[in-house]
Amino acid sequence: MAETSHYKYHVFFCTNQREDGAKCCGASGGQEMRDYLKKKVKQLDLNGPGKCRINSAGCMDRCDEGPLLVVYPEGTWYTYVDKDDIDEILHEHLENGRIVERLKI
């Protein structure tokens, strides 16, 4: 019997902060953008079982391409610059199931 995912989309933001000053998602607004998307998802009632879950993650070992997030179950990796990019990922991918090619890494 096929098992279904608890969430339609599970989003992980790298929020890692490096102590040595090297490039990292934490220093590029990872936590702020994660908090922003989590709030927007709740406002749109897209959170919870069968919908979306927004989580923080430690280092995902792609710092040179960051800041970044990954959306499962597709395993789509995105980078972003600002809230407009996060909004585009929200509306295109999480609401409409369309991958945002311009932000994909």
C-alpha atoms as a PDB file:
ATOM      1  CA  MET A   1       0.000   0.000   0.000  1.00  0.00           C
ATOM      2  CA  ALA A   2       1.452   3.383  -1.008  1.00  0.00           C
ATOM      3  CA  GLU A   3       2.181   5.754   1.834  1.00  0.00           C
ATOM      4  CA  THR A   4       1.206   9.389   1.424  1.00  0.00           C
ATOM      5  CA  SER A   5       3.081  12.323   2.845  1.00  0.00           C
ATOM      6  CA  HIS A   6       1.702  14.008   5.943  1.00  0.00           C
ATOM      7  CA  TYR A   7       2.157  17.381   4.208  1.00  0.00           C
ATOM      8  CA  LYS A   8       1.495  18.286   0.607  1.00  0.00           C
ATOM      9  CA  TYR A   9       4.620  20.480   0.713  1.00  0.00           C
ATOM     10  CA  HIS A  10       7.381  20.470   3.314  1.00  0.00           C
ATOM     11  CA  VAL A  11       9.689  23.483   3.021  1.00  0.00           C
ATOM     12  CA  PHE A  12      13.101  23.616   4.685  1.00  0.00           C
ATOM     13  CA  PHE A  13      15.035  26.887   4.943  1.00  0.00           C
ATOM     14  CA  CYS A  14      18.729  26.776   5.658  1.00  0.00           C
ATOM     15  CA  THR A  15      19.196  29.063   8.650  1.00  0.00           C
ATOM     16  CA  ASN A  16      22.758  27.984   9.456  1.00  0.00           C
ATOM     17  CA  GLN A  17      24.994  30.650  10.978  1.00  0.00           C
ATOM     18  CA  ARG A  18      28.729  30.077  10.586  1.00  0.00           C
ATOM     19  CA  GLU A  19      30.959  31.257  13.369  1.00  0.00           C
ATOM     20  CA  ASP A  20      34.011  31.824  11.148  1.00  0.00           C
ATOM     21  CA  GLY A  21      32.402  34.562   9.039  1.00  0.00           C
ATOM     22  CA  ALA A  22      32.177  32.381   5.930  1.00  0.00           C
ATOM     23  CA  LYS A  23      29.181  32.789   3.610  1.00  0.00           C
ATOM     24  CA  CYS A  24      26.082  31.220   5.112  1.00  0.00           C
ATOM     25  CA  CYS A  25      22.312  31.329   4.731  1.00  0.00           C
ATOM     26  CA  GLY A  26      21.833  32.616   8.288  1.00  0.00           C
ATOM     27  CA  ALA A  27      23.796  35.753   7.495  1.00  0.00           C
ATOM     28  CA  SER A  28      21.790  36.178   4.279  1.00  0.00           C
ATOM     29  CA  GLY A  29      18.399  36.397   5.989  1.00  0.00           C
ATOM     30  CA  GLY A  30      17.477  32.709   6.117  1.00  0.00           C
ATOM     31  CA  GLN A  31      15.634  32.895   9.433  1.00  0.00           C
ATOM     32  CA  GLU A  32      13.859  36.140   8.532  1.00  0.00           C
ATOM     33  CA  MET A  33      12.629  34.709   5.224  1.00  0.00           C
ATOM     34  CA  ARG A  34      11.563  31.450   6.894  1.00  0.00           C
ATOM     35  CA  ASP A  35       9.549  33.410   9.473  1.00  0.00           C
ATOM     36  CA  TYR A  36       8.023  35.528   6.703  1.00  0.00           C
ATOM     37  CA  LEU A  37       6.891  32.511   4.658  1.00  0.00           C
ATOM     38  CA  LYS A  38       5.562  30.714   7.739  1.00  0.00           C
ATOM     39  CA  LYS A  39       3.427  33.766   8.599  1.00  0.00           C
ATOM     40  CA  LYS A  40       2.120  34.094   5.018  1.00  0.00           C
ATOM     41  CA  VAL A  41       1.251  30.387   4.826  1.00  0.00           C
ATOM     42  CA  LYS A  42      -0.729  30.686   8.074  1.00  0.00           C
ATOM     43  CA  GLN A  43      -2.530  33.819   6.852  1.00  0.00           C
ATOM     44  CA  LEU A  44      -3.615  31.943   3.723  1.00  0.00           C
ATOM     45  CA  ASP A  45      -4.670  28.889   5.772  1.00  0.00           C
ATOM     46  CA  LEU A  46      -2.195  26.728   3.862  1.00  0.00           C
ATOM     47  CA  ASN A  47      -0.538  25.281   6.982  1.00  0.00           C
ATOM     48  CA  GLY A  48      -1.122  21.955   8.669  1.00  0.00           C
ATOM     49  CA  PRO A  49      -1.624  18.295   7.755  1.00  0.00           C
ATOM     50  CA  GLY A  50      -2.343  17.797   4.071  1.00  0.00           C
ATOM     51  CA  LYS A  51      -1.131  21.334   3.362  1.00  0.00           C
ATOM     52  CA  CYS A  52       2.241  23.031   3.998  1.00  0.00           C
ATOM     53  CA  ARG A  53       4.844  22.878   6.728  1.00  0.00           C
ATOM     54  CA  ILE A  54       7.644  25.454   6.938  1.00  0.00           C
ATOM     55  CA  ASN A  55      10.771  24.419   8.869  1.00  0.00           C
ATOM     56  CA  SER A  56      14.266  25.596   9.666  1.00  0.00           C
ATOM     57  CA  ALA A  57      17.212  23.408   8.817  1.00  0.00           C
ATOM     58  CA  GLY A  58      20.865  23.469   9.654  1.00  0.00           C
ATOM     59  CA  CYS A  59      23.527  23.594   6.986  1.00  0.00           C
ATOM     60  CA  MET A  60      22.503  21.852   3.775  1.00  0.00           C
ATOM     61  CA  ASP A  61      26.033  22.154   2.367  1.00  0.00           C
ATOM     62  CA  ARG A  62      25.197  24.445  -0.554  1.00  0.00           C
ATOM     63  CA  CYS A  63      26.217  27.752   1.039  1.00  0.00           C
ATOM     64  CA  ASP A  64      27.865  29.020  -2.136  1.00  0.00           C
ATOM     65  CA  GLU A  65      24.444  28.939  -3.842  1.00  0.00           C
ATOM     66  CA  GLY A  66      22.484  30.437  -0.946  1.00  0.00           C
ATOM     67  CA  PRO A  67      20.497  31.647   0.663  1.00  0.00           C
ATOM     68  CA  LEU A  68      18.373  28.640  -0.109  1.00  0.00           C
ATOM     69  CA  LEU A  69      15.363  26.524   0.674  1.00  0.00           C
ATOM     70  CA  VAL A  70      14.139  23.159  -0.557  1.00  0.00           C
ATOM     71  CA  VAL A  71      10.550  22.066  -1.184  1.00  0.00           C
ATOM     72  CA  TYR A  72       9.578  18.417  -0.763  1.00  0.00           C
ATOM     73  CA  PRO A  73       8.253  16.029  -1.972  1.00  0.00           C
ATOM     74  CA  GLU A  74       9.703  17.250  -5.304  1.00  0.00           C
ATOM     75  CA  GLY A  75      13.099  18.079  -3.832  1.00  0.00           C
ATOM     76  CA  THR A  76      13.119  21.445  -5.617  1.00  0.00           C
ATOM     77  CA  TRP A  77      15.940  23.716  -4.438  1.00  0.00           C
ATOM     78  CA  TYR A  78      15.498  27.481  -4.630  1.00  0.00           C
ATOM     79  CA  THR A  79      17.560  30.529  -3.934  1.00  0.00           C
ATOM     80  CA  TYR A  80      16.027  33.920  -3.212  1.00  0.00           C
ATOM     81  CA  VAL A  81      16.952  37.560  -2.756  1.00  0.00           C
ATOM     82  CA  ASP A  82      13.959  39.120  -1.026  1.00  0.00           C
ATOM     83  CA  LYS A  83      10.325  38.768   0.049  1.00  0.00           C
ATOM     84  CA  ASP A  84       9.155  39.164  -3.552  1.00  0.00           C
ATOM     85  CA  ASP A  85      11.005  35.947  -4.431  1.00  0.00           C
ATOM     86  CA  ILE A  86       9.489  34.187  -1.412  1.00  0.00           C
ATOM     87  CA  ASP A  87       6.023  35.417  -2.444  1.00  0.00           C
ATOM     88  CA  GLU A  88       6.585  34.037  -5.943  1.00  0.00           C
ATOM     89  CA  ILE A  89       7.565  30.624  -4.544  1.00  0.00           C
ATOM     90  CA  LEU A  90       4.494  30.721  -2.294  1.00  0.00           C
ATOM     91  CA  HIS A  91       2.026  31.633  -5.041  1.00  0.00           C
ATOM     92  CA  GLU A  92       3.499  29.586  -7.865  1.00  0.00           C
ATOM     93  CA  HIS A  93       4.798  26.453  -6.151  1.00  0.00           C
ATOM     94  CA  LEU A  94       2.906  26.089  -2.868  1.00  0.00           C
ATOM     95  CA  GLU A  95      -0.468  27.342  -4.113  1.00  0.00           C
ATOM     96  CA  ASN A  96      -0.407  26.284  -7.765  1.00  0.00           C
ATOM     97  CA  GLY A  97       2.139  23.451  -7.974  1.00  0.00           C
ATOM     98  CA  ARG A  98       4.310  25.206 -10.552  1.00  0.00           C
ATOM     99  CA  ILE A  99       8.090  25.246 -10.123  1.00  0.00           C
ATOM    100  CA  VAL A 100       9.630  28.730 -10.283  1.00  0.00           C
ATOM    101  CA  GLU A 101      12.356  28.023 -12.842  1.00  0.00           C
ATOM    102  CA  ARG A 102      14.111  31.399 -12.474  1.00  0.00           C
ATOM    103  CA  LEU A 103      14.813  30.754  -8.760  1.00  0.00           C
ATOM    104  CA  LYS A 104      15.613  27.048  -9.045  1.00  0.00           C
ATOM    105  CA  ILE A 105      19.162  25.897  -8.307  1.00  0.00           C
END
